[in-house]
Protein backbone atom coordinates (compact mmCIF):
# COMPACT_ATOMS: atom_id res chain seq x y z
CA MET A 1 0.11 -0.27 -0.12
CA ARG A 2 2.82 2.26 0.64
CA ASP A 3 3.71 2.22 -3.14
CA ILE A 4 0.09 3.09 -3.96
CA LEU A 5 -0.09 6.08 -2.04
CA ARG A 6 3.51 7.06 -3.00
CA HIS A 7 2.24 7.49 -6.83
CA LEU A 8 -0.51 9.13 -4.92
CA LEU A 9 1.10 12.06 -2.95
CA ARG A 10 2.96 13.01 -6.24
CA TYR A 11 -0.48 15.02 -7.24
CA LYS A 12 -1.59 16.10 -3.95
CA GLY A 13 -2.81 18.82 -5.26
CA ARG A 14 -5.37 17.84 -7.39
CA LEU A 15 -6.32 15.13 -5.40
CA ALA A 16 -6.79 17.64 -2.55
CA LEU A 17 -9.36 19.72 -4.89
CA GLY A 18 -11.22 16.34 -5.88
CA LEU A 19 -11.43 15.02 -2.12
CA LEU A 20 -12.63 18.89 -1.47
CA ALA A 21 -15.41 18.71 -3.81
CA LEU A 22 -16.24 15.38 -2.35
CA LEU A 23 -16.54 16.42 0.85
CA ILE A 24 -19.06 19.51 -0.44
CA VAL A 25 -20.63 16.36 -2.21
CA ASP A 26 -21.33 14.23 1.02
CA GLY A 27 -21.82 17.60 3.31
CA ALA A 28 -24.92 18.37 0.91
CA GLN A 29 -26.19 14.66 1.33
CA LEU A 30 -25.87 15.07 4.85
CA VAL A 31 -28.09 18.12 5.23
CA ILE A 32 -30.90 16.87 3.36
CA PRO A 33 -32.11 14.90 6.41
CA LEU A 34 -31.67 17.21 8.72
CA ILE A 35 -34.37 19.43 6.01
CA LEU A 36 -36.13 15.98 6.30
CA ARG A 37 -36.65 16.23 10.02
CA LYS A 38 -37.60 19.96 10.15
CA VAL A 39 -40.59 19.55 7.52
CA VAL A 40 -42.06 16.58 9.39
CA ASP A 41 -42.44 17.84 12.72
CA LEU A 42 -43.69 21.28 10.82
CA LEU A 43 -46.28 18.78 9.42
CA ALA A 44 -46.71 16.64 12.89
CA LEU A 45 -47.62 20.39 14.59
CA GLY A 46 -50.20 21.14 11.84
CA VAL A 47 -47.61 24.66 10.97
CA VAL A 48 -46.73 24.36 7.57
CA THR A 49 -47.86 26.28 4.75
CA PRO A 50 -47.37 25.92 1.05
CA GLY A 51 -44.93 28.85 1.09
CA ILE A 52 -42.61 26.77 4.20
CA LEU A 53 -42.73 23.97 2.04
CA PHE A 54 -41.64 25.45 -1.41
CA ARG A 55 -38.74 27.12 0.34
CA TYR A 56 -38.09 23.82 1.69
CA GLY A 57 -38.17 21.87 -1.76
CA LEU A 58 -36.30 25.02 -3.24
CA PHE A 59 -33.53 24.44 -0.98
CA VAL A 60 -33.26 21.01 -1.36
CA ALA A 61 -33.50 21.28 -5.40
CA PHE A 62 -30.05 23.98 -4.94
CA LEU A 63 -28.22 21.19 -2.94
CA ALA A 64 -29.06 18.65 -5.80
CA LEU A 65 -27.33 20.75 -8.25
CA ILE A 66 -24.39 21.55 -6.23
CA ILE A 67 -23.90 17.63 -5.69
CA GLY A 68 -24.32 17.22 -9.50
CA ILE A 69 -21.63 20.10 -10.05
CA PHE A 70 -19.07 18.93 -7.50
CA ARG A 71 -19.65 15.42 -8.06
CA PHE A 72 -18.26 16.25 -11.77
CA VAL A 73 -15.28 17.94 -10.21
CA TRP A 74 -14.40 15.24 -7.78
CA ARG A 75 -14.91 12.71 -10.77
CA TRP A 76 -12.35 14.81 -13.39
CA PHE A 77 -9.65 15.78 -10.75
CA ILE A 78 -9.66 12.02 -8.99
CA MET A 79 -10.18 9.50 -12.18
CA SER A 80 -8.25 11.69 -14.45
CA THR A 81 -5.38 11.52 -11.70
CA THR A 82 -5.32 7.99 -11.57
CA ARG A 83 -5.34 7.88 -15.63
CA ILE A 84 -2.09 9.73 -15.61
CA ILE A 85 -0.80 7.48 -12.42
CA GLU A 86 -1.71 4.40 -14.33
CA MET A 87 -0.04 5.78 -17.62
CA GLU A 88 3.27 6.35 -16.14
CA ILE A 89 3.01 2.98 -14.09
CA ARG A 90 3.03 1.02 -17.33
CA ASN A 91 5.35 3.22 -19.61
CA GLY A 92 7.97 2.93 -16.27
CA LEU A 93 7.24 -0.63 -16.26
CA TYR A 94 7.62 -1.16 -20.23
CA ALA A 95 11.01 1.08 -20.00
CA HIS A 96 12.29 -1.28 -17.21
CA ILE A 97 11.29 -4.82 -19.17
CA ILE A 98 13.16 -3.56 -22.00
CA LYS A 99 16.53 -2.70 -20.03
CA LEU A 100 16.50 -5.89 -18.38
CA SER A 101 19.71 -8.28 -20.07
CA ALA A 102 18.81 -11.32 -22.26
CA SER A 103 18.72 -13.49 -19.73
CA PHE A 104 15.65 -12.45 -18.07
CA PHE A 105 13.77 -13.33 -21.08
CA ASN A 106 14.90 -16.77 -21.32
CA ARG A 107 13.33 -17.69 -18.10
CA ALA A 108 10.22 -14.80 -18.05
CA ARG A 109 7.01 -15.93 -20.06
CA THR A 110 5.16 -13.20 -22.23
CA GLY A 111 2.05 -13.95 -21.05
CA ASP A 112 3.10 -12.91 -16.94
CA LEU A 113 4.52 -9.54 -18.23
CA MET A 114 1.54 -9.14 -20.52
CA ALA A 115 -0.71 -9.58 -17.43
CA HIS A 116 0.86 -7.05 -15.65
CA ALA A 117 0.93 -4.58 -17.83
CA THR A 118 -2.91 -5.28 -18.62
CA ASN A 119 -5.03 -6.56 -15.37
CA ASP A 120 -2.60 -5.50 -12.59
CA ILE A 121 -2.07 -2.13 -13.64
CA ASP A 122 -6.20 -1.97 -13.86
CA ALA A 123 -6.54 -3.08 -10.78
CA ILE A 124 -3.80 -0.50 -9.36
CA ARG A 125 -5.70 2.44 -10.74
CA PHE A 126 -8.67 0.98 -9.40
CA ALA A 127 -7.64 0.80 -6.04
CA MET A 128 -6.05 4.25 -6.15
CA GLY A 129 -9.24 5.65 -7.96
CA MET A 130 -12.63 4.22 -6.63
CA GLY A 131 -10.77 2.96 -3.65
CA LEU A 132 -9.21 6.37 -2.36
CA VAL A 133 -13.12 7.82 -2.79
CA ALA A 134 -14.88 5.10 -1.51
CA SER A 135 -12.42 5.19 1.44
CA ALA A 136 -12.98 9.22 2.14
CA ASP A 137 -16.16 8.75 1.16
CA ALA A 138 -17.26 6.32 3.70
CA PHE A 139 -15.20 8.23 6.16
CA ILE A 140 -16.70 11.29 6.07
CA TYR A 141 -20.59 9.26 6.28
CA ALA A 142 -19.35 7.65 9.15
CA VAL A 143 -17.95 10.37 11.58
CA PHE A 144 -20.72 13.20 10.02
CA SER A 145 -23.66 10.75 10.75
CA LEU A 146 -22.46 9.50 13.80
CA ALA A 147 -21.74 12.65 15.09
CA ILE A 148 -25.77 14.12 13.96
CA MET A 149 -26.84 10.82 15.15
CA ILE A 150 -25.66 11.26 18.58
CA THR A 151 -26.76 14.75 18.63
CA LEU A 152 -30.45 13.28 17.95
CA SER A 153 -29.83 10.45 20.48
CA PRO A 154 -26.79 9.54 22.21
CA LEU A 155 -28.75 6.14 23.66
CA LEU A 156 -29.87 5.29 20.53
CA THR A 157 -26.63 5.62 18.91
CA LEU A 158 -25.11 3.63 21.27
CA TYR A 159 -27.51 0.56 20.34
CA VAL A 160 -26.95 1.18 17.04
CA ALA A 161 -22.65 0.58 17.29
CA ILE A 162 -23.23 -2.66 19.16
CA PRO A 163 -23.25 -4.67 16.07
CA LEU A 164 -20.52 -2.94 14.18
CA VAL A 165 -18.07 -3.77 16.97
CA PRO A 166 -17.27 -7.57 15.07
CA LEU A 167 -16.86 -5.41 11.89
CA ILE A 168 -13.19 -4.72 12.87
CA PHE A 169 -12.14 -8.55 13.08
CA ILE A 170 -14.42 -9.41 9.82
CA VAL A 171 -12.70 -6.74 7.81
CA LEU A 172 -9.07 -8.18 8.88
CA TRP A 173 -9.87 -11.56 7.97
CA PHE A 174 -11.75 -11.13 4.92
CA GLY A 175 -9.28 -8.65 3.57
CA LYS A 176 -5.84 -11.39 4.33
CA ALA A 177 -8.15 -13.82 2.14
CA ILE A 178 -8.60 -11.36 -0.91
CA HIS A 179 -5.35 -10.38 -1.06
CA ARG A 180 -3.74 -14.07 -1.05
CA LEU A 181 -6.91 -15.36 -3.29
CA PHE A 182 -6.13 -12.33 -5.87
CA GLU A 183 -2.44 -13.23 -6.32
CA ARG A 184 -3.80 -16.66 -7.35
CA VAL A 185 -6.64 -15.15 -9.86
CA GLN A 186 -3.73 -13.28 -11.53
CA ALA A 187 -1.14 -16.14 -11.75
CA SER A 188 -3.89 -18.00 -13.59
CA PHE A 189 -4.55 -14.97 -15.97
CA ALA A 190 -1.06 -14.87 -16.86
CA ASN A 191 -1.09 -18.46 -17.31
CA LEU A 192 -3.88 -17.99 -19.64
CA THR A 193 -2.57 -15.39 -21.36
CA GLU A 194 0.39 -16.93 -22.30
CA ARG A 195 -1.31 -20.18 -23.43
CA VAL A 196 -3.39 -17.52 -26.20
CA ARG A 197 0.06 -16.12 -27.43
CA GLU A 198 1.58 -19.43 -27.56
CA ALA A 199 -1.05 -20.66 -29.81
CA LEU A 200 -0.97 -17.77 -31.72
CA SER A 201 2.42 -17.86 -32.69
CA GLY A 202 2.53 -21.47 -33.45
CA ILE A 203 -0.49 -21.43 -34.92
CA ARG A 204 1.20 -22.71 -38.51
CA VAL A 205 3.21 -25.74 -36.44
CA ILE A 206 -0.47 -26.60 -34.62
CA LYS A 207 -2.03 -26.33 -38.13
CA THR A 208 0.79 -28.75 -39.85
CA PHE A 209 0.91 -31.31 -37.00
CA VAL A 210 -2.92 -31.22 -36.57
CA GLN A 211 -3.14 -30.32 -32.95
CA GLU A 212 -5.74 -28.16 -32.94
CA ARG A 213 -8.10 -30.28 -30.63
CA GLY A 214 -5.04 -30.75 -28.18
CA GLN A 215 -4.50 -27.44 -27.89
CA GLU A 216 -8.14 -26.50 -27.32
CA LYS A 217 -7.74 -29.00 -24.58
CA ALA A 218 -4.72 -27.35 -23.16
CA PHE A 219 -6.73 -23.70 -23.57
CA ARG A 220 -9.70 -25.13 -21.70
CA GLU A 221 -8.05 -26.74 -18.63
CA ALA A 222 -6.25 -22.97 -18.50
CA SER A 223 -9.59 -21.46 -18.58
CA GLU A 224 -11.03 -23.63 -16.04
CA ASP A 225 -8.36 -23.05 -13.80
CA PHE A 226 -8.96 -19.54 -14.28
CA VAL A 227 -12.61 -19.80 -13.47
CA ARG A 228 -11.98 -22.35 -10.66
CA ARG A 229 -9.53 -19.29 -8.87
CA ASN A 230 -11.93 -16.63 -9.48
CA MET A 231 -15.00 -18.61 -7.80
CA GLU A 232 -12.88 -19.11 -4.87
CA LEU A 233 -12.66 -15.22 -4.90
CA VAL A 234 -16.11 -14.74 -5.31
CA LYS A 235 -16.86 -17.45 -2.22
CA VAL A 236 -14.85 -15.14 0.00
CA TRP A 237 -16.24 -11.84 -1.49
CA GLY A 238 -19.85 -13.03 -1.64
CA MET A 239 -19.63 -14.23 2.18
CA PHE A 240 -18.33 -10.71 2.96
CA HIS A 241 -20.94 -8.57 1.46
CA PRO A 242 -24.16 -10.52 2.93
CA LEU A 243 -22.22 -10.18 6.88
CA LEU A 244 -22.05 -6.67 6.53
CA MET A 245 -25.32 -6.28 5.03
CA PHE A 246 -26.67 -8.31 8.31
CA LEU A 247 -25.19 -5.94 10.61
CA ALA A 248 -26.62 -3.30 8.84
CA ASN A 249 -29.63 -4.68 9.03
CA ILE A 250 -29.46 -5.58 12.56
CA SER A 251 -28.76 -2.05 13.47
CA MET A 252 -31.90 -0.95 11.48
CA GLY A 253 -34.04 -3.12 13.42
CA ILE A 254 -33.19 -1.78 16.88
CA VAL A 255 -33.28 1.74 15.51
CA LEU A 256 -36.94 0.48 14.79
CA LEU A 257 -37.86 -1.10 17.71
CA ALA A 258 -35.83 1.21 19.84
CA GLY A 259 -36.74 4.55 18.21
CA GLY A 260 -40.05 3.84 17.54
CA ARG A 261 -40.42 2.95 21.53
CA LYS A 262 -38.82 6.76 21.97
CA VAL A 263 -41.14 8.61 19.79
CA ILE A 264 -44.10 6.73 21.25
CA MET A 265 -43.14 7.77 24.58
CA GLY A 266 -42.06 11.52 23.17
CA ASN A 267 -38.31 11.54 24.14
CA ILE A 268 -37.30 12.05 20.63
CA SER A 269 -39.60 13.80 17.90
CA LEU A 270 -41.20 12.14 14.37
CA GLY A 271 -38.78 14.32 12.40
CA ASP A 272 -35.80 13.31 14.74
CA PHE A 273 -36.71 9.40 14.11
CA VAL A 274 -36.84 9.94 10.53
CA ALA A 275 -34.17 11.50 10.05
CA PHE A 276 -32.10 9.37 12.34
CA THR A 277 -33.54 5.96 10.31
CA ASN A 278 -32.16 8.14 7.12
CA TYR A 279 -28.36 8.42 8.32
CA ILE A 280 -28.95 4.93 9.50
CA TRP A 281 -29.02 4.15 5.71
CA MET A 282 -26.25 6.55 5.00
CA LEU A 283 -24.24 4.63 7.85
CA ALA A 284 -25.05 1.61 5.74
CA TRP A 285 -23.22 2.76 2.56
CA PRO A 286 -19.40 3.21 4.83
CA MET A 287 -20.65 -0.30 6.03
CA MET A 288 -20.81 -1.90 2.57
CA ALA A 289 -17.98 0.45 1.18
CA ILE A 290 -15.82 -1.15 3.74
CA GLY A 291 -16.07 -4.40 1.69
CA TRP A 292 -15.58 -2.66 -1.63
CA VAL A 293 -12.52 -0.60 -0.39
CA VAL A 294 -10.93 -4.02 1.04
CA ASN A 295 -11.51 -5.88 -2.06
CA LEU A 296 -10.27 -3.05 -3.82
CA LEU A 297 -7.18 -2.05 -1.99
CA GLN A 298 -5.88 -5.55 -1.32
CA ARG A 299 -6.66 -6.56 -5.19
CA GLY A 300 -4.09 -3.24 -6.09
CA SER A 301 -1.54 -4.25 -3.05
CA ALA A 302 -1.18 -7.81 -4.50
CA SER A 303 -1.03 -6.58 -8.06
CA MET A 304 1.75 -3.88 -6.80
CA LYS A 305 3.39 -6.52 -5.39
CA ARG A 306 3.44 -8.10 -8.41
CA ILE A 307 4.82 -5.46 -10.54
CA ASN A 308 7.56 -4.47 -7.72
CA ARG A 309 8.94 -7.81 -8.46
CA ILE A 310 9.81 -7.10 -11.96
CA LEU A 311 10.70 -3.64 -11.03
CA SER A 312 13.20 -5.04 -8.15
CA ILE A 313 14.95 -7.36 -10.89
CA GLU A 314 18.33 -5.50 -11.65
CA PRO A 315 19.42 -5.83 -15.13
CA GLU A 316 22.86 -7.85 -15.11
CA ILE A 317 24.68 -6.06 -18.10
CA LYS A 318 25.05 -2.45 -16.97
CA GLU A 319 27.58 0.47 -17.95
CA LYS A 320 30.00 2.02 -15.94
CA ARG A 321 29.84 5.38 -14.25
CA ASP A 322 32.57 6.30 -16.31
CA ALA A 323 31.79 4.56 -19.22
CA ILE A 324 33.91 5.40 -22.79
CA ASP A 325 31.67 7.51 -24.87
CA ARG A 326 33.89 7.36 -28.20
CA GLU A 327 33.25 6.68 -31.71
CA ILE A 328 34.05 3.25 -32.45
CA GLU A 329 36.93 2.10 -35.20
CA GLY A 330 36.40 -1.70 -35.44
CA GLU A 331 39.59 -3.57 -33.83
CA ILE A 332 38.35 -6.43 -31.98
CA ARG A 333 40.58 -9.14 -29.80
CA VAL A 334 39.61 -11.89 -27.62
CA GLU A 335 41.63 -13.44 -25.53
CA ARG A 336 41.17 -16.60 -23.70
CA LEU A 337 37.44 -16.05 -23.42
CA THR A 338 35.65 -18.71 -21.53
CA PHE A 339 31.78 -18.31 -21.21
CA ALA A 340 28.65 -20.04 -19.83
CA TYR A 341 25.20 -18.61 -19.78
CA PRO A 342 23.99 -17.23 -16.48
CA GLY A 343 22.48 -19.77 -13.89
CA SER A 344 24.77 -22.68 -16.13
CA ASP A 345 28.24 -24.39 -14.92
CA ALA A 346 28.94 -26.11 -18.00
CA PRO A 347 30.82 -23.21 -20.71
CA VAL A 348 29.92 -23.26 -24.10
CA LEU A 349 32.75 -21.46 -24.90
CA ARG A 350 36.24 -22.45 -24.13
CA ASP A 351 39.52 -20.64 -24.40
CA ILE A 352 38.58 -18.73 -26.97
CA THR A 353 41.30 -16.26 -28.76
CA PHE A 354 41.72 -14.53 -31.98
CA ALA A 355 42.71 -10.84 -33.18
CA LEU A 356 40.68 -8.93 -36.03
CA GLU A 357 42.35 -5.59 -37.09
CA LYS A 358 39.84 -2.56 -38.57
CA GLY A 359 38.42 -3.51 -41.66
CA LYS A 360 39.11 -6.65 -42.11
CA LYS A 361 36.62 -10.09 -42.04
CA LEU A 362 35.84 -12.98 -39.80
CA GLY A 363 34.21 -15.66 -40.89
CA ILE A 364 32.99 -18.29 -38.59
CA PHE A 365 32.34 -22.19 -39.35
CA GLY A 366 31.18 -25.06 -37.34
CA LYS A 367 28.79 -27.67 -36.62
CA THR A 368 25.07 -26.46 -34.92
CA GLY A 369 25.42 -26.00 -31.20
CA SER A 370 29.05 -25.17 -31.48
CA GLY A 371 29.22 -21.77 -29.84
CA LYS A 372 29.26 -19.32 -32.94
CA SER A 373 25.88 -17.23 -32.38
CA THR A 374 27.16 -17.08 -28.39
CA LEU A 375 30.56 -16.08 -29.76
CA VAL A 376 28.81 -12.76 -31.69
CA HIS A 377 26.23 -12.22 -29.14
CA LEU A 378 29.09 -11.24 -26.76
CA ILE A 379 30.28 -8.64 -28.56
CA PRO A 380 27.52 -6.02 -28.56
CA ARG A 381 26.62 -7.38 -24.67
CA ILE A 382 23.52 -8.95 -25.41
CA PHE A 383 25.49 -11.60 -23.12
CA ASP A 384 28.52 -10.17 -20.96
CA PRO A 385 31.97 -11.96 -21.75
CA PRO A 386 34.04 -12.26 -17.94
CA GLU A 387 35.64 -9.01 -17.65
CA GLY A 388 39.09 -9.02 -19.84
CA THR A 389 38.65 -11.03 -22.16
CA LEU A 390 36.68 -9.35 -24.94
CA PHE A 391 38.11 -5.98 -26.39
CA ILE A 392 37.28 -3.33 -28.84
CA ASP A 393 39.60 -0.66 -30.10
CA GLY A 394 42.15 -1.84 -27.62
CA HIS A 395 39.02 -1.05 -24.44
CA ASP A 396 37.27 -3.95 -22.92
CA VAL A 397 33.39 -4.06 -24.14
CA ARG A 398 32.22 -3.91 -20.84
CA ASP A 399 34.01 0.08 -20.42
CA TYR A 400 31.95 1.30 -23.14
CA ARG A 401 28.65 3.06 -23.05
CA LEU A 402 25.82 0.18 -23.96
CA PHE A 403 24.37 2.97 -26.50
CA ARG A 404 27.66 3.73 -28.26
CA LEU A 405 28.84 0.39 -28.56
CA ARG A 406 25.28 -1.26 -30.05
CA ARG A 407 24.80 1.90 -32.21
CA SER A 408 28.37 0.89 -33.94
CA ILE A 409 27.50 -2.53 -34.62
CA GLY A 410 25.00 -3.72 -37.45
CA PHE A 411 23.62 -7.40 -36.02
CA VAL A 412 21.50 -9.51 -38.47
CA PRO A 413 20.44 -12.35 -36.47
CA GLN A 414 19.66 -16.10 -37.14
CA ASP A 415 16.02 -15.28 -36.61
CA SER A 416 15.14 -12.33 -38.31
CA PHE A 417 12.37 -10.51 -36.58
CA LEU A 418 10.27 -7.95 -38.20
CA PHE A 419 7.56 -5.54 -36.90
CA SER A 420 3.92 -5.49 -37.80
CA THR A 421 4.53 -2.42 -39.94
CA THR A 422 5.37 -1.65 -43.46
CA ILE A 423 8.50 -2.67 -44.94
CA ARG A 424 10.06 1.09 -44.95
CA GLU A 425 9.90 1.38 -41.50
CA ASN A 426 11.26 -2.01 -40.73
CA ILE A 427 14.32 -1.25 -42.94
CA ALA A 428 14.79 2.02 -41.43
CA PHE A 429 14.33 0.79 -38.07
CA GLY A 430 17.65 1.66 -36.64
CA ARG A 431 17.65 4.83 -38.40
CA PRO A 432 14.24 6.43 -38.70
CA ASP A 433 15.62 10.04 -40.46
CA ALA A 434 17.08 7.67 -43.45
CA THR A 435 16.30 9.04 -46.63
CA GLU A 436 14.32 7.54 -49.52
CA GLU A 437 17.64 6.68 -51.52
CA GLU A 438 19.29 5.22 -48.53
CA ILE A 439 15.90 3.11 -47.89
CA ILE A 440 16.11 1.97 -51.16
CA GLU A 441 19.91 1.60 -51.67
CA ALA A 442 19.97 -0.64 -48.87
CA ALA A 443 17.23 -2.96 -50.14
CA LYS A 444 19.33 -3.26 -53.44
CA ILE A 445 22.45 -4.52 -51.48
CA ALA A 446 19.86 -6.90 -49.85
CA GLU A 447 18.67 -7.74 -53.02
CA ILE A 448 15.21 -7.47 -52.04
CA TYR A 449 14.25 -4.47 -54.01
CA ASP A 450 12.77 -6.08 -57.05
CA GLU A 451 10.65 -8.03 -54.57
CA ILE A 452 9.22 -5.46 -52.62
CA MET A 453 8.36 -3.26 -55.97
CA GLU A 454 5.87 -6.34 -56.99
CA PHE A 455 3.76 -5.63 -53.77
CA PRO A 456 0.61 -3.42 -54.55
CA ASP A 457 2.36 -0.91 -51.78
CA GLY A 458 5.42 -1.46 -52.50
CA PHE A 459 7.49 0.03 -49.71
CA ASP A 460 4.54 1.15 -47.78
CA THR A 461 3.63 -2.56 -47.66
CA VAL A 462 2.34 -3.52 -43.69
CA LEU A 463 3.77 -7.01 -43.22
CA GLY A 464 1.78 -9.15 -40.84
CA GLU A 465 2.76 -10.63 -36.88
CA ARG A 466 6.60 -11.51 -37.31
CA GLY A 467 6.87 -11.24 -40.67
CA VAL A 468 4.21 -13.94 -41.21
CA THR A 469 3.21 -12.49 -44.78
CA LEU A 470 6.77 -13.11 -46.18
CA SER A 471 9.22 -16.16 -46.89
CA GLY A 472 11.79 -16.97 -44.82
CA GLY A 473 13.99 -15.45 -47.24
CA GLN A 474 12.33 -12.30 -47.78
CA LYS A 475 12.26 -11.37 -43.72
CA GLN A 476 16.36 -12.55 -43.76
CA ARG A 477 16.86 -10.17 -46.70
CA ILE A 478 15.00 -6.99 -45.15
CA ALA A 479 17.10 -7.99 -41.93
CA LEU A 480 20.13 -7.43 -43.81
CA ALA A 481 19.05 -4.47 -45.25
CA ARG A 482 18.09 -2.84 -41.64
CA ALA A 483 21.68 -3.45 -40.56
CA VAL A 484 23.57 -2.14 -43.72
CA LEU A 485 21.19 1.17 -43.73
CA LEU A 486 23.20 1.73 -40.23
CA ASN A 487 26.28 2.11 -41.68
CA PRO A 488 28.14 0.96 -39.00
CA PRO A 489 31.96 0.19 -38.20
CA ILE A 490 31.07 -3.19 -37.41
CA LEU A 491 28.96 -5.79 -38.95
CA ILE A 492 28.21 -9.13 -37.64
CA ILE A 493 25.84 -11.45 -39.89
CA ASP A 494 24.98 -14.53 -38.17
CA ASP A 495 23.88 -17.32 -40.65
CA ALA A 496 21.43 -15.02 -41.71
CA LEU A 497 21.05 -16.21 -45.07
CA SER A 498 20.36 -19.69 -44.73
CA ALA A 499 16.96 -19.56 -46.02
CA VAL A 500 18.21 -17.83 -49.29
CA ASP A 501 19.28 -19.71 -52.37
CA THR A 502 22.52 -20.26 -53.82
CA GLU A 503 22.37 -17.86 -56.98
CA THR A 504 20.46 -14.76 -54.70
CA GLU A 505 23.24 -15.55 -51.60
CA GLU A 506 26.26 -15.20 -54.18
CA LYS A 507 25.15 -11.66 -55.44
CA ILE A 508 24.12 -10.48 -51.71
CA LEU A 509 27.53 -11.67 -50.95
CA ASN A 510 29.01 -9.88 -53.52
CA ASN A 511 27.04 -6.94 -53.29
CA LEU A 512 28.09 -7.05 -49.71
CA LYS A 513 31.91 -6.84 -50.82
CA LYS A 514 31.35 -2.55 -51.34
CA VAL A 515 29.49 -2.44 -48.19
CA MET A 516 32.20 -4.27 -45.79
CA ALA A 517 35.05 -2.41 -47.62
CA GLY A 518 36.83 -0.49 -44.80
CA ARG A 519 34.59 -2.04 -42.26
CA THR A 520 35.17 -4.94 -39.75
CA SER A 521 32.94 -7.87 -40.56
CA ILE A 522 32.08 -11.25 -38.80
CA VAL A 523 29.92 -13.60 -40.96
CA ILE A 524 28.50 -16.68 -39.42
CA SER A 525 27.99 -19.71 -42.24
CA HIS A 526 27.61 -23.12 -43.20
CA ARG A 527 28.03 -22.31 -46.47
CA VAL A 528 31.88 -22.11 -47.18
CA LYS A 529 31.77 -19.84 -50.05
CA ALA A 530 30.26 -17.04 -47.78
CA ILE A 531 33.46 -17.21 -45.90
CA MET A 532 36.11 -18.54 -48.33
CA ASP A 533 36.99 -14.60 -49.11
CA SER A 534 37.81 -13.96 -45.02
CA ASP A 535 40.83 -12.27 -43.72
CA LEU A 536 40.68 -15.35 -40.76
CA ILE A 537 38.69 -18.12 -40.20
CA ILE A 538 37.81 -19.92 -37.20
CA VAL A 539 36.00 -23.13 -37.01
CA LEU A 540 34.41 -24.20 -33.75
CA ASP A 541 33.22 -27.68 -31.87
CA SER A 542 31.76 -27.84 -29.19
CA GLY A 543 32.85 -24.02 -28.06
CA GLU A 544 36.04 -24.26 -28.79
CA ILE A 545 38.12 -23.37 -31.92
CA ILE A 546 39.94 -26.62 -33.59
CA GLU A 547 41.17 -25.07 -36.75
CA ARG A 548 42.05 -21.00 -37.81
CA GLY A 549 43.68 -19.59 -40.97
CA THR A 550 42.85 -18.05 -44.53
CA HIS A 551 40.57 -20.23 -46.81
CA GLU A 552 43.97 -21.63 -48.44
CA GLU A 553 45.54 -22.30 -45.38
CA LEU A 554 42.41 -24.47 -43.78
CA LEU A 555 42.39 -26.09 -46.95
CA GLU A 556 46.34 -27.73 -46.66
CA ILE A 557 45.24 -28.15 -42.79
CA GLY A 558 43.04 -30.92 -44.21
CA GLY A 559 40.28 -30.88 -41.39
CA PHE A 560 36.81 -30.55 -40.84
CA TYR A 561 36.72 -27.32 -42.74
CA LYS A 562 38.16 -28.92 -46.16
CA GLU A 563 35.90 -31.97 -45.67
CA LEU A 564 32.76 -29.73 -45.62
CA TYR A 565 33.87 -27.46 -48.56
CA GLU A 566 34.73 -30.66 -50.36
CA LEU A 567 31.08 -31.95 -49.74
CA GLN A 568 29.72 -28.55 -50.85
CA MET A 569 31.16 -28.48 -54.03
CA VAL A 570 30.46 -31.84 -55.17
CA ALA A 571 26.75 -31.01 -54.07
CA GLU A 572 26.91 -27.73 -56.09
CA LYS A 573 28.00 -29.62 -59.07
CA MET A 574 25.08 -32.28 -58.78
CA GLU A 575 22.75 -29.39 -58.26
CA ARG A 576 23.89 -27.67 -61.46
CA ALA A 577 24.14 -30.58 -63.20
CA VAL A 578 20.59 -31.57 -62.63
CA SER A 579 19.53 -27.96 -63.48
CA GLU A 580 21.09 -28.29 -66.67
């Protein structure tokens, strides 16, 4: 609750105005029973006139107008403030999440994060908005109703208060139960959301393997679990409200019994009795509100706790206070690098050492799972290399500002992720200010320009989610164009042409020779042709360098590289023979 209050206190001025308007509304409503009391007493005495009735009626109408105006005012100040706070929390959560390290996303489920950004923040907003209003409203009504009731009849007020004593213990018990059960509901909702996201992302696989029924069953189970968790909460909440109403009705029964006798005996007037019953019903609202407020606040508190768990996670990859912020030229040096992923003791890279001068090309070759992608992911610090093992321009990569380091590297990953926007915006993602000519030139280098122009909307074609409307090769080439457009001093291509046919790949590689001239480049490929012109080639196996040298030197060694090269040459000759 302290975190929710901290957010509210930042807007104490707006909230104070809203609460002041709420006080005026409640004050006006508290006056109306006193007017009724006066009119009823005048009627009982038989001294009322049409003029008196009109005057009191006009006064009630005026109070109704005041109530309407100031009800709008408190809604405007309080509800709009909670919307602003909701936006700030959501923006802060999103900003924090995208700063977290890659290892966090290996552990976290997307459905959980989506639930945090939607349901949890909605629960916090309700706690801050209606929770605050209902709390203040109930407090004002309870204090002033009791005060007026005491002035009307202290003894009768004491009778009314007796059933309210158990209320304290009921609220405490139900509050804890609601908090615990709502956390379970939110966890179940996160699981349901993740189930939907995963199914939609893998819809093609589901259809290919004819697993629609299996997915329906899994979703039904997750949905039933969500309903079951909600029903557990509803049972507790369903008991809470009737208990409160039961106590309120006992108080009303006491008023009718004891208050009626006092009227008959002449201890209080009929007007006092009418006013007292009105204040009893007004007092019933705080009793009902207590249940609602407890529910809202406990839900909000549980959701704030879930969000704070995410906000308390520190990014594993940080930059130093005195981080280097200078232009990077592109010299890369790796010294005795051994690396294991966070949470694992098994190294995926062992004793890696090589040097790459500025403007030179490094080719990385090896079997699947040999550590090729892991190695290049350490250069932009997607994962953090051990200190003193990886250097750029003579400085440890951990000493650079993250923005400067990553801005200096054009990275084309194996998984070519595209956004659900236009082709132009996808290519210009790293450089939104790029000119049309620069975007076209990058597309031509990636050999995707002609295919883009065949689309009805050309570069303005809107792609489906993750570029689902494109082929694998088209997605890879758009991702390549995106990296080329950055014009970085270091270009890394991680087997990013695996879905491209051999002929197109050769054209792209020829185009890239011009792009790579004068810049440091690292190319990972399972095709020897893509790396045979490299200044240095390293062959990885089980995280270790087993061969190194130029293309010619590796052929002379006669190891794994030569074996794969000869097999690929034979396969290429056979392919040409078949095509002829």
